[in-house]
C-alpha atoms as a PDB file:
ATOM      1  CA  UNK A   1      13.722  -2.383 -13.553  1.00  0.00           C
ATOM      2  CA  UNK A   2      12.256  -2.904 -10.218  1.00  0.00           C
ATOM      3  CA  UNK A   3      11.585  -6.313  -8.719  1.00  0.00           C
ATOM      4  CA  UNK A   4       7.952  -5.593  -8.582  1.00  0.00           C
ATOM      5  CA  UNK A   5       7.732  -4.356 -12.115  1.00  0.00           C
ATOM      6  CA  UNK A   6       9.529  -7.530 -13.051  1.00  0.00           C
ATOM      7  CA  UNK A   7       7.139  -9.717 -11.263  1.00  0.00           C
ATOM      8  CA  UNK A   8       3.937  -8.154 -12.525  1.00  0.00           C
ATOM      9  CA  UNK A   9       5.056  -7.680 -16.267  1.00  0.00           C
ATOM     10  CA  UNK A  10       6.060 -11.487 -16.332  1.00  0.00           C
ATOM     11  CA  UNK A  11       2.789 -12.820 -14.809  1.00  0.00           C
ATOM     12  CA  UNK A  12       4.509 -13.958 -11.513  1.00  0.00           C
ATOM     13  CA  UNK A  13       2.418 -13.508  -8.319  1.00  0.00           C
ATOM     14  CA  UNK A  14       3.519 -10.403  -6.815  1.00  0.00           C
ATOM     15  CA  UNK A  15       3.737  -9.563  -3.153  1.00  0.00           C
ATOM     16  CA  UNK A  16       4.437  -6.390  -1.255  1.00  0.00           C
ATOM     17  CA  UNK A  17       4.362  -5.363   2.383  1.00  0.00           C
ATOM     18  CA  UNK A  18       3.691  -2.080   4.072  1.00  0.00           C
ATOM     19  CA  UNK A  19       5.942  -0.401   6.667  1.00  0.00           C
ATOM     20  CA  UNK A  20       5.688   3.020   8.559  1.00  0.00           C
ATOM     21  CA  UNK A  21       8.478   5.258   9.301  1.00  0.00           C
ATOM     22  CA  UNK A  22       8.993   5.873  13.174  1.00  0.00           C
ATOM     23  CA  UNK A  23       7.373   8.797  14.961  1.00  0.00           C
ATOM     24  CA  UNK A  24      10.946  10.114  15.421  1.00  0.00           C
ATOM     25  CA  UNK A  25      14.456   9.412  14.095  1.00  0.00           C
ATOM     26  CA  UNK A  26      15.194   6.009  15.671  1.00  0.00           C
ATOM     27  CA  UNK A  27      14.810   3.578  12.738  1.00  0.00           C
ATOM     28  CA  UNK A  28      16.452   0.547  14.333  1.00  0.00           C
ATOM     29  CA  UNK A  29      13.025  -1.250  14.672  1.00  0.00           C
ATOM     30  CA  UNK A  30      12.163  -0.723  11.073  1.00  0.00           C
ATOM     31  CA  UNK A  31      15.695  -1.895  10.118  1.00  0.00           C
ATOM     32  CA  UNK A  32      15.513  -4.941  12.225  1.00  0.00           C
ATOM     33  CA  UNK A  33      12.320  -5.848  10.793  1.00  0.00           C
ATOM     34  CA  UNK A  34      13.598  -5.501   7.300  1.00  0.00           C
ATOM     35  CA  UNK A  35      15.984  -8.491   7.562  1.00  0.00           C
ATOM     36  CA  UNK A  36      12.805 -10.634   8.051  1.00  0.00           C
ATOM     37  CA  UNK A  37      11.241  -9.330   4.784  1.00  0.00           C
ATOM     38  CA  UNK A  38      14.256  -9.799   2.624  1.00  0.00           C
ATOM     39  CA  UNK A  39      13.692 -12.375   0.038  1.00  0.00           C
ATOM     40  CA  UNK A  40       9.911 -12.770   0.946  1.00  0.00           C
ATOM     41  CA  UNK A  41       8.426  -9.742  -0.650  1.00  0.00           C
ATOM     42  CA  UNK A  42       9.012  -8.196  -3.894  1.00  0.00           C
ATOM     43  CA  UNK A  43       8.846  -4.437  -2.269  1.00  0.00           C
ATOM     44  CA  UNK A  44       8.085  -2.646   0.638  1.00  0.00           C
ATOM     45  CA  UNK A  45       5.759   0.292   0.747  1.00  0.00           C
ATOM     46  CA  UNK A  46       6.718   3.086   2.927  1.00  0.00           C
ATOM     47  CA  UNK A  47       3.999   5.005   4.119  1.00  0.00           C
ATOM     48  CA  UNK A  48       3.870   8.850   3.853  1.00  0.00           C
ATOM     49  CA  UNK A  49       2.480  10.149   7.239  1.00  0.00           C
ATOM     50  CA  UNK A  50      -0.562   7.648   6.859  1.00  0.00           C
ATOM     51  CA  UNK A  51      -3.808   8.962   8.438  1.00  0.00           C
ATOM     52  CA  UNK A  52      -2.161  12.533   8.488  1.00  0.00           C
ATOM     53  CA  UNK A  53      -0.013  11.618  11.581  1.00  0.00           C
ATOM     54  CA  UNK A  54       3.301  13.139  11.674  1.00  0.00           C
ATOM     55  CA  UNK A  55       6.164  10.481  11.292  1.00  0.00           C
ATOM     56  CA  UNK A  56       9.752  10.862   9.737  1.00  0.00           C
ATOM     57  CA  UNK A  57       9.486  11.032   5.925  1.00  0.00           C
ATOM     58  CA  UNK A  58       8.904   8.011   3.534  1.00  0.00           C
ATOM     59  CA  UNK A  59      12.143   9.116   1.787  1.00  0.00           C
ATOM     60  CA  UNK A  60      14.205   8.569   4.955  1.00  0.00           C
ATOM     61  CA  UNK A  61      12.977   4.990   5.703  1.00  0.00           C
ATOM     62  CA  UNK A  62      13.124   4.348   1.868  1.00  0.00           C
ATOM     63  CA  UNK A  63      16.923   5.030   1.946  1.00  0.00           C
ATOM     64  CA  UNK A  64      17.344   3.074   4.990  1.00  0.00           C
ATOM     65  CA  UNK A  65      15.602  -0.101   3.505  1.00  0.00           C
ATOM     66  CA  UNK A  66      17.626   0.432   0.028  1.00  0.00           C
ATOM     67  CA  UNK A  67      20.847   0.257   2.011  1.00  0.00           C
ATOM     68  CA  UNK A  68      19.496  -2.903   3.810  1.00  0.00           C
ATOM     69  CA  UNK A  69      18.839  -4.661   0.473  1.00  0.00           C
ATOM     70  CA  UNK A  70      15.277  -4.087   0.138  1.00  0.00           C
ATOM     71  CA  UNK A  71      13.306  -2.600  -2.671  1.00  0.00           C
ATOM     72  CA  UNK A  72      11.251   0.323  -1.245  1.00  0.00           C
ATOM     73  CA  UNK A  73       8.263   1.886  -2.761  1.00  0.00           C
ATOM     74  CA  UNK A  74       8.284   5.684  -2.118  1.00  0.00           C
ATOM     75  CA  UNK A  75       4.681   6.767  -1.302  1.00  0.00           C
ATOM     76  CA  UNK A  76       3.766  10.342  -2.056  1.00  0.00           C
ATOM     77  CA  UNK A  77       0.827  12.248  -1.144  1.00  0.00           C
ATOM     78  CA  UNK A  78      -0.241  15.567  -2.453  1.00  0.00           C
ATOM     79  CA  UNK A  79      -1.579  16.832   1.164  1.00  0.00           C
ATOM     80  CA  UNK A  80       1.855  18.228   2.466  1.00  0.00           C
ATOM     81  CA  UNK A  81       3.888  19.255  -0.469  1.00  0.00           C
ATOM     82  CA  UNK A  82       3.635  21.338  -3.577  1.00  0.00           C
ATOM     83  CA  UNK A  83       4.446  19.922  -6.941  1.00  0.00           C
ATOM     84  CA  UNK A  84       8.170  21.362  -6.625  1.00  0.00           C
ATOM     85  CA  UNK A  85       8.653  19.499  -3.556  1.00  0.00           C
ATOM     86  CA  UNK A  86       7.163  16.363  -4.653  1.00  0.00           C
ATOM     87  CA  UNK A  87       9.580  16.374  -7.660  1.00  0.00           C
ATOM     88  CA  UNK A  88      12.549  17.339  -5.329  1.00  0.00           C
ATOM     89  CA  UNK A  89      11.705  14.140  -3.381  1.00  0.00           C
ATOM     90  CA  UNK A  90      11.399  12.090  -6.411  1.00  0.00           C
ATOM     91  CA  UNK A  91      14.536  13.242  -8.022  1.00  0.00           C
ATOM     92  CA  UNK A  92      16.553  12.609  -4.698  1.00  0.00           C
ATOM     93  CA  UNK A  93      14.919   9.091  -4.362  1.00  0.00           C
ATOM     94  CA  UNK A  94      16.078   8.265  -7.899  1.00  0.00           C
ATOM     95  CA  UNK A  95      19.737   9.163  -6.716  1.00  0.00           C
ATOM     96  CA  UNK A  96      19.546   6.453  -4.376  1.00  0.00           C
ATOM     97  CA  UNK A  97      18.214   3.972  -7.049  1.00  0.00           C
ATOM     98  CA  UNK A  98      14.386   4.295  -5.674  1.00  0.00           C
ATOM     99  CA  UNK A  99      12.436   4.171  -8.703  1.00  0.00           C
ATOM    100  CA  UNK A 100       9.112   2.743  -7.604  1.00  0.00           C
ATOM    101  CA  UNK A 101       6.383   5.220  -6.410  1.00  0.00           C
ATOM    102  CA  UNK A 102       2.749   5.096  -5.326  1.00  0.00           C
ATOM    103  CA  UNK A 103       0.806   8.394  -5.663  1.00  0.00           C
ATOM    104  CA  UNK A 104      -1.826   9.361  -3.052  1.00  0.00           C
ATOM    105  CA  UNK A 105      -3.981  12.273  -2.280  1.00  0.00           C
ATOM    106  CA  UNK A 106      -3.603  12.071   1.394  1.00  0.00           C
ATOM    107  CA  UNK A 107      -5.999  12.479   4.403  1.00  0.00           C
ATOM    108  CA  UNK A 108      -6.742  15.911   5.565  1.00  0.00           C
ATOM    109  CA  UNK A 109      -4.732  17.072   8.527  1.00  0.00           C
ATOM    110  CA  UNK A 110      -7.784  17.500  10.544  1.00  0.00           C
ATOM    111  CA  UNK A 111      -7.904  13.661  11.047  1.00  0.00           C
ATOM    112  CA  UNK A 112      -4.429  13.482  12.226  1.00  0.00           C
ATOM    113  CA  UNK A 113      -2.319  14.451  15.220  1.00  0.00           C
ATOM    114  CA  UNK A 114      -1.312  17.788  14.194  1.00  0.00           C
ATOM    115  CA  UNK A 115      -4.259  19.383  13.236  1.00  0.00           C
ATOM    116  CA  UNK A 116      -3.180  23.050  12.847  1.00  0.00           C
ATOM    117  CA  UNK A 117      -0.902  21.922   9.906  1.00  0.00           C
ATOM    118  CA  UNK A 118      -1.912  23.734   6.759  1.00  0.00           C
ATOM    119  CA  UNK A 119      -2.873  21.288   3.905  1.00  0.00           C
ATOM    120  CA  UNK A 120      -1.153  21.720   0.491  1.00  0.00           C
ATOM    121  CA  UNK A 121      -3.017  19.631  -1.966  1.00  0.00           C
ATOM    122  CA  UNK A 122      -1.307  21.496  -4.952  1.00  0.00           C
ATOM    123  CA  UNK A 123      -1.823  18.034  -6.782  1.00  0.00           C
ATOM    124  CA  UNK A 124      -4.089  15.103  -5.971  1.00  0.00           C
ATOM    125  CA  UNK A 125      -3.123  11.399  -7.032  1.00  0.00           C
ATOM    126  CA  UNK A 126      -3.999  11.797 -10.664  1.00  0.00           C
ATOM    127  CA  UNK A 127      -2.080  15.025 -10.826  1.00  0.00           C
ATOM    128  CA  UNK A 128       1.177  13.585  -9.210  1.00  0.00           C
ATOM    129  CA  UNK A 129       0.970  10.712 -11.693  1.00  0.00           C
ATOM    130  CA  UNK A 130       0.390  12.977 -14.673  1.00  0.00           C
ATOM    131  CA  UNK A 131       3.314  15.326 -13.562  1.00  0.00           C
ATOM    132  CA  UNK A 132       5.674  12.385 -13.241  1.00  0.00           C
ATOM    133  CA  UNK A 133       4.572  10.919 -16.580  1.00  0.00           C
ATOM    134  CA  UNK A 134       5.184  14.405 -18.245  1.00  0.00           C
ATOM    135  CA  UNK A 135       8.397  14.677 -16.662  1.00  0.00           C
ATOM    136  CA  UNK A 136       9.537  11.195 -17.987  1.00  0.00           C
ATOM    137  CA  UNK A 137       7.984  11.974 -21.536  1.00  0.00           C
ATOM    138  CA  UNK A 138       9.799  15.313 -21.862  1.00  0.00           C
ATOM    139  CA  UNK A 139      12.725  15.095 -19.422  1.00  0.00           C
ATOM    140  CA  UNK A 140      11.872  18.461 -18.011  1.00  0.00           C
ATOM    141  CA  UNK A 141      10.472  19.637 -14.621  1.00  0.00           C
ATOM    142  CA  UNK A 142       7.011  20.827 -13.624  1.00  0.00           C
ATOM    143  CA  UNK A 143       8.126  24.517 -14.942  1.00  0.00           C
ATOM    144  CA  UNK A 144       9.182  22.910 -18.401  1.00  0.00           C
ATOM    145  CA  UNK A 145      12.814  23.435 -17.344  1.00  0.00           C
ATOM    146  CA  UNK A 146      15.221  20.470 -18.643  1.00  0.00           C
ATOM    147  CA  UNK A 147      16.525  18.173 -15.979  1.00  0.00           C
ATOM    148  CA  UNK A 148      20.201  17.683 -15.932  1.00  0.00           C
ATOM    149  CA  UNK A 149      20.791  14.103 -16.947  1.00  0.00           C
ATOM    150  CA  UNK A 150      17.208  13.718 -18.122  1.00  0.00           C
ATOM    151  CA  UNK A 151      14.298  12.492 -16.094  1.00  0.00           C
ATOM    152  CA  UNK A 152      14.446   9.131 -14.108  1.00  0.00           C
ATOM    153  CA  UNK A 153      12.357   6.105 -15.290  1.00  0.00           C
ATOM    154  CA  UNK A 154       9.665   5.445 -12.696  1.00  0.00           C
ATOM    155  CA  UNK A 155       7.424   2.372 -12.038  1.00  0.00           C
ATOM    156  CA  UNK A 156       4.293   4.444 -10.893  1.00  0.00           C
ATOM    157  CA  UNK A 157       1.404   3.040  -8.890  1.00  0.00           C
ATOM    158  CA  UNK A 158      -1.992   4.085  -7.374  1.00  0.00           C
ATOM    159  CA  UNK A 159      -4.475   2.904  -4.898  1.00  0.00           C
ATOM    160  CA  UNK A 160      -8.063   2.179  -5.100  1.00  0.00           C
ATOM    161  CA  UNK A 161     -10.903   1.103  -2.781  1.00  0.00           C
ATOM    162  CA  UNK A 162     -12.959  -1.740  -3.752  1.00  0.00           C
ATOM    163  CA  UNK A 163     -15.805  -1.340  -1.119  1.00  0.00           C
ATOM    164  CA  UNK A 164     -17.010   2.190  -2.210  1.00  0.00           C
ATOM    165  CA  UNK A 165     -20.579   3.607  -2.598  1.00  0.00           C
ATOM    166  CA  UNK A 166     -21.108   4.449  -5.531  1.00  0.00           C
ATOM    167  CA  UNK A 167     -18.606   2.220  -6.983  1.00  0.00           C
ATOM    168  CA  UNK A 168     -18.806   3.891 -10.370  1.00  0.00           C
ATOM    169  CA  UNK A 169     -17.076   7.025  -8.779  1.00  0.00           C
ATOM    170  CA  UNK A 170     -14.090   4.745  -7.810  1.00  0.00           C
ATOM    171  CA  UNK A 171     -14.017   2.934 -10.961  1.00  0.00           C
ATOM    172  CA  UNK A 172     -13.800   6.470 -12.964  1.00  0.00           C
ATOM    173  CA  UNK A 173     -10.922   7.710 -10.555  1.00  0.00           C
ATOM    174  CA  UNK A 174      -9.256   4.370 -11.334  1.00  0.00           C
ATOM    175  CA  UNK A 175      -9.536   5.009 -14.956  1.00  0.00           C
ATOM    176  CA  UNK A 176      -8.124   8.551 -14.779  1.00  0.00           C
ATOM    177  CA  UNK A 177      -5.040   7.093 -12.659  1.00  0.00           C
ATOM    178  CA  UNK A 178      -4.365   4.758 -15.199  1.00  0.00           C
ATOM    179  CA  UNK A 179      -4.602   7.233 -17.975  1.00  0.00           C
ATOM    180  CA  UNK A 180      -2.108   9.463 -15.925  1.00  0.00           C
ATOM    181  CA  UNK A 181       0.378   6.812 -15.855  1.00  0.00           C
ATOM    182  CA  UNK A 182      -0.292   4.332 -13.100  1.00  0.00           C
ATOM    183  CA  UNK A 183       1.150   0.931 -14.149  1.00  0.00           C
ATOM    184  CA  UNK A 184      -0.003  -1.110 -10.962  1.00  0.00           C
ATOM    185  CA  UNK A 185      -2.704  -0.694  -8.525  1.00  0.00           C
ATOM    186  CA  UNK A 186      -2.937  -1.608  -4.722  1.00  0.00           C
ATOM    187  CA  UNK A 187      -6.077  -1.549  -3.220  1.00  0.00           C
ATOM    188  CA  UNK A 188      -7.471  -0.810   0.267  1.00  0.00           C
ATOM    189  CA  UNK A 189      -7.853  -3.765   2.650  1.00  0.00           C
ATOM    190  CA  UNK A 190     -10.477  -6.129   1.496  1.00  0.00           C
ATOM    191  CA  UNK A 191     -11.582  -9.139   3.642  1.00  0.00           C
ATOM    192  CA  UNK A 192     -13.959 -11.421   1.494  1.00  0.00           C
ATOM    193  CA  UNK A 193     -13.898 -12.723  -2.108  1.00  0.00           C
ATOM    194  CA  UNK A 194     -17.326 -11.415  -2.926  1.00  0.00           C
ATOM    195  CA  UNK A 195     -16.423  -7.907  -2.414  1.00  0.00           C
ATOM    196  CA  UNK A 196     -13.217  -8.399  -4.426  1.00  0.00           C
ATOM    197  CA  UNK A 197     -14.728  -9.983  -7.235  1.00  0.00           C
ATOM    198  CA  UNK A 198     -17.629  -7.401  -7.340  1.00  0.00           C
ATOM    199  CA  UNK A 199     -14.926  -4.797  -7.689  1.00  0.00           C
ATOM    200  CA  UNK A 200     -12.862  -6.770 -10.492  1.00  0.00           C
ATOM    201  CA  UNK A 201     -15.970  -7.387 -12.501  1.00  0.00           C
ATOM    202  CA  UNK A 202     -16.618  -3.522 -12.636  1.00  0.00           C
ATOM    203  CA  UNK A 203     -13.157  -3.063 -13.581  1.00  0.00           C
ATOM    204  CA  UNK A 204     -13.282  -5.677 -16.362  1.00  0.00           C
ATOM    205  CA  UNK A 205     -16.701  -4.085 -17.511  1.00  0.00           C
ATOM    206  CA  UNK A 206     -15.000  -0.683 -17.544  1.00  0.00           C
ATOM    207  CA  UNK A 207     -12.353  -2.252 -19.973  1.00  0.00           C
ATOM    208  CA  UNK A 208      -9.652  -0.832 -17.555  1.00  0.00           C
ATOM    209  CA  UNK A 209      -6.400  -3.052 -17.830  1.00  0.00           C
ATOM    210  CA  UNK A 210      -3.707  -2.757 -15.156  1.00  0.00           C
ATOM    211  CA  UNK A 211      -2.364  -5.227 -12.583  1.00  0.00           C
ATOM    212  CA  UNK A 212      -4.342  -4.985  -9.334  1.00  0.00           C
ATOM    213  CA  UNK A 213      -2.956  -6.128  -5.927  1.00  0.00           C
ATOM    214  CA  UNK A 214      -5.408  -7.021  -3.477  1.00  0.00           C
ATOM    215  CA  UNK A 215      -4.785  -5.194  -0.150  1.00  0.00           C
ATOM    216  CA  UNK A 216      -4.600  -7.741   2.885  1.00  0.00           C
ATOM    217  CA  UNK A 217      -4.875  -6.453   6.506  1.00  0.00           C
ATOM    218  CA  UNK A 218      -4.474  -9.269   9.122  1.00  0.00           C
ATOM    219  CA  UNK A 219      -6.979  -8.543  11.786  1.00  0.00           C
ATOM    220  CA  UNK A 220      -5.620  -8.685  15.477  1.00  0.00           C
ATOM    221  CA  UNK A 221      -8.910  -8.816  17.320  1.00  0.00           C
ATOM    222  CA  UNK A 222     -12.602  -8.276  17.028  1.00  0.00           C
ATOM    223  CA  UNK A 223     -11.961  -4.700  18.414  1.00  0.00           C
ATOM    224  CA  UNK A 224      -9.783  -3.822  15.617  1.00  0.00           C
ATOM    225  CA  UNK A 225     -12.110  -5.093  13.020  1.00  0.00           C
ATOM    226  CA  UNK A 226     -15.141  -3.136  14.718  1.00  0.00           C
ATOM    227  CA  UNK A 227     -12.900   0.050  14.946  1.00  0.00           C
ATOM    228  CA  UNK A 228     -12.035  -0.052  11.175  1.00  0.00           C
ATOM    229  CA  UNK A 229     -15.707  -0.785  10.067  1.00  0.00           C
ATOM    230  CA  UNK A 230     -16.794   2.499  12.035  1.00  0.00           C
ATOM    231  CA  UNK A 231     -13.961   4.706  11.456  1.00  0.00           C
ATOM    232  CA  UNK A 232     -11.848   3.842   8.131  1.00  0.00           C
ATOM    233  CA  UNK A 233     -13.642   4.554   5.014  1.00  0.00           C
ATOM    234  CA  UNK A 234     -13.789   1.781   2.507  1.00  0.00           C
ATOM    235  CA  UNK A 235     -13.246  -0.972   5.173  1.00  0.00           C
ATOM    236  CA  UNK A 236     -15.923  -3.619   5.592  1.00  0.00           C
ATOM    237  CA  UNK A 237     -15.008  -6.662   7.677  1.00  0.00           C
ATOM    238  CA  UNK A 238     -17.634  -9.321   7.554  1.00  0.00           C
ATOM    239  CA  UNK A 239     -19.625  -9.889  10.838  1.00  0.00           C
ATOM    240  CA  UNK A 240     -18.714 -13.629  10.147  1.00  0.00           C
ATOM    241  CA  UNK A 241     -15.008 -12.825  10.649  1.00  0.00           C
ATOM    242  CA  UNK A 242     -15.511 -10.799  13.605  1.00  0.00           C
ATOM    243  CA  UNK A 243     -17.589 -13.519  15.187  1.00  0.00           C
ATOM    244  CA  UNK A 244     -14.783 -15.695  14.745  1.00  0.00           C
ATOM    245  CA  UNK A 245     -12.318 -13.499  16.290  1.00  0.00           C
ATOM    246  CA  UNK A 246     -14.612 -12.839  19.238  1.00  0.00           C
ATOM    247  CA  UNK A 247     -14.789 -16.761  19.639  1.00  0.00           C
ATOM    248  CA  UNK A 248     -11.135 -16.973  19.564  1.00  0.00           C
ATOM    249  CA  UNK A 249     -10.700 -14.324  22.081  1.00  0.00           C
ATOM    250  CA  UNK A 250     -13.140 -16.015  24.554  1.00  0.00           C
ATOM    251  CA  UNK A 251     -11.511 -19.444  23.950  1.00  0.00           C
ATOM    252  CA  UNK A 252      -8.063 -17.886  24.836  1.00  0.00           C
ATOM    253  CA  UNK A 253      -9.592 -16.512  28.036  1.00  0.00           C
ATOM    254  CA  UNK A 254     -11.072 -19.785  29.020  1.00  0.00           C
ATOM    255  CA  UNK A 255      -7.642 -21.542  28.389  1.00  0.00           C
ATOM    256  CA  UNK A 256      -5.446 -18.876  29.544  1.00  0.00           C
ATOM    257  CA  UNK A 257      -3.805 -18.583  26.390  1.00  0.00           C
ATOM    258  CA  UNK A 258      -3.131 -15.016  24.960  1.00  0.00           C
ATOM    259  CA  UNK A 259      -2.709 -13.963  21.298  1.00  0.00           C
ATOM    260  CA  UNK A 260      -5.547 -16.445  19.894  1.00  0.00           C
ATOM    261  CA  UNK A 261      -7.233 -13.824  17.989  1.00  0.00           C
ATOM    262  CA  UNK A 262      -4.217 -12.288  16.282  1.00  0.00           C
ATOM    263  CA  UNK A 263      -3.242 -15.700  15.374  1.00  0.00           C
ATOM    264  CA  UNK A 264      -6.371 -16.449  13.667  1.00  0.00           C
ATOM    265  CA  UNK A 265      -6.329 -13.059  11.992  1.00  0.00           C
ATOM    266  CA  UNK A 266      -3.187 -14.250  10.475  1.00  0.00           C
ATOM    267  CA  UNK A 267      -4.748 -17.598   9.595  1.00  0.00           C
ATOM    268  CA  UNK A 268      -7.549 -16.024   7.646  1.00  0.00           C
ATOM    269  CA  UNK A 269      -5.276 -13.591   6.021  1.00  0.00           C
ATOM    270  CA  UNK A 270      -3.017 -16.449   4.662  1.00  0.00           C
ATOM    271  CA  UNK A 271      -6.218 -18.501   3.605  1.00  0.00           C
ATOM    272  CA  UNK A 272      -7.480 -15.138   1.594  1.00  0.00           C
ATOM    273  CA  UNK A 273      -4.117 -14.802  -0.119  1.00  0.00           C
ATOM    274  CA  UNK A 274      -3.944 -18.248  -0.993  1.00  0.00           C
ATOM    275  CA  UNK A 275      -7.254 -18.275  -2.538  1.00  0.00           C
ATOM    276  CA  UNK A 276      -6.472 -15.299  -4.412  1.00  0.00           C
ATOM    277  CA  UNK A 277      -3.464 -16.850  -5.843  1.00  0.00           C
ATOM    278  CA  UNK A 278      -5.299 -20.319  -6.561  1.00  0.00           C
ATOM    279  CA  UNK A 279      -8.329 -18.635  -8.402  1.00  0.00           C
ATOM    280  CA  UNK A 280      -6.125 -15.963 -10.119  1.00  0.00           C
ATOM    281  CA  UNK A 281      -8.192 -13.126  -8.993  1.00  0.00           C
ATOM    282  CA  UNK A 282      -5.520 -10.751  -8.821  1.00  0.00           C
ATOM    283  CA  UNK A 283      -2.080  -9.970  -9.980  1.00  0.00           C
ATOM    284  CA  UNK A 284      -0.656 -10.164  -6.312  1.00  0.00           C
ATOM    285  CA  UNK A 285      -1.375  -9.111  -2.560  1.00  0.00           C
ATOM    286  CA  UNK A 286      -0.195  -5.900  -0.769  1.00  0.00           C
ATOM    287  CA  UNK A 287       0.033  -7.042   3.070  1.00  0.00           C
ATOM    288  CA  UNK A 288      -0.664  -4.204   5.643  1.00  0.00           C
ATOM    289  CA  UNK A 289       0.448  -5.619   8.854  1.00  0.00           C
ATOM    290  CA  UNK A 290      -0.005  -2.163  10.798  1.00  0.00           C
ATOM    291  CA  UNK A 291       3.203  -2.375  13.067  1.00  0.00           C
ATOM    292  CA  UNK A 292       3.347  -6.234  13.078  1.00  0.00           C
ATOM    293  CA  UNK A 293       5.501  -6.721   9.809  1.00  0.00           C
ATOM    294  CA  UNK A 294       7.605  -9.611  11.470  1.00  0.00           C
ATOM    295  CA  UNK A 295       4.257 -11.402  10.897  1.00  0.00           C
ATOM    296  CA  UNK A 296       4.349 -11.101   7.217  1.00  0.00           C
ATOM    297  CA  UNK A 297       6.794 -13.986   6.521  1.00  0.00           C
ATOM    298  CA  UNK A 298       4.618 -16.228   8.711  1.00  0.00           C
ATOM    299  CA  UNK A 299       1.449 -15.125   6.933  1.00  0.00           C
ATOM    300  CA  UNK A 300       2.972 -15.997   3.290  1.00  0.00           C
ATOM    301  CA  UNK A 301       4.390 -19.394   4.706  1.00  0.00           C
ATOM    302  CA  UNK A 302       1.090 -20.401   5.731  1.00  0.00           C
ATOM    303  CA  UNK A 303      -0.238 -19.334   2.447  1.00  0.00           C
ATOM    304  CA  UNK A 304       2.169 -21.405   0.511  1.00  0.00           C
ATOM    305  CA  UNK A 305       3.677 -18.162  -1.216  1.00  0.00           C
ATOM    306  CA  UNK A 306       7.216 -17.753  -2.014  1.00  0.00           C
ATOM    307  CA  UNK A 307       9.062 -15.613  -4.516  1.00  0.00           C
END
């Protein structure tokens, strides 16, 4: 049983971070950062060519992290692989003791950096979850053929977007994911209590019972916040937070001090995490530091969070 599964099923506040593989084959930076995360998070999600941009595979970095003593979460998108290829990766991952997965549909290649790539989409996130659940239940592959040694036991997860219009469509998709076998949910980045609570109330009203981990994105600047608001579906950074980041940038410029907005972004993330835990809003948090994973331990310390 994975550390994340044990934490969620025992009612402990669960913490995961996110890390992207390199755009190349040098994993040295990721391996170095992994040492900072060890003992600070339950698991590390490894992205699968996020935003349809070519990187080394999620499985490759998962293996490196596993060998470094961390528990990786294999992200699987339906964009680039047939159901056969997905199962091949899952079985290979299981051979290394990687038993936690997160199923995603995946952004279309047209938004990425290899626009001529042909999308597959044999299965979407719900289809991936259902295939893995069927494999576990029957011990057979996607063609109904018995697997040698049986099927691996997986802790399956999925994602959801709390800020979505119309929200009932997202709630319905969430229900489908849970019915297909998702046993934990990580959200897209959310930045204020009101948006999170509005979503959680709809989940409760729908009678959906599954541990939900709030997605936390530490903001680095007002420009980053504005870019995400304009270009990333499901992201809504409140104007009040953007104004605070602008003020921090102006203060830093006046004092000749660099990095004040990023420092403030970490503090705001820590405050939100502490509030989520104190008010027991969610089962845990998923921190997406976007290339600044070394800041995750600092944010957790500021939030008063320890495993």
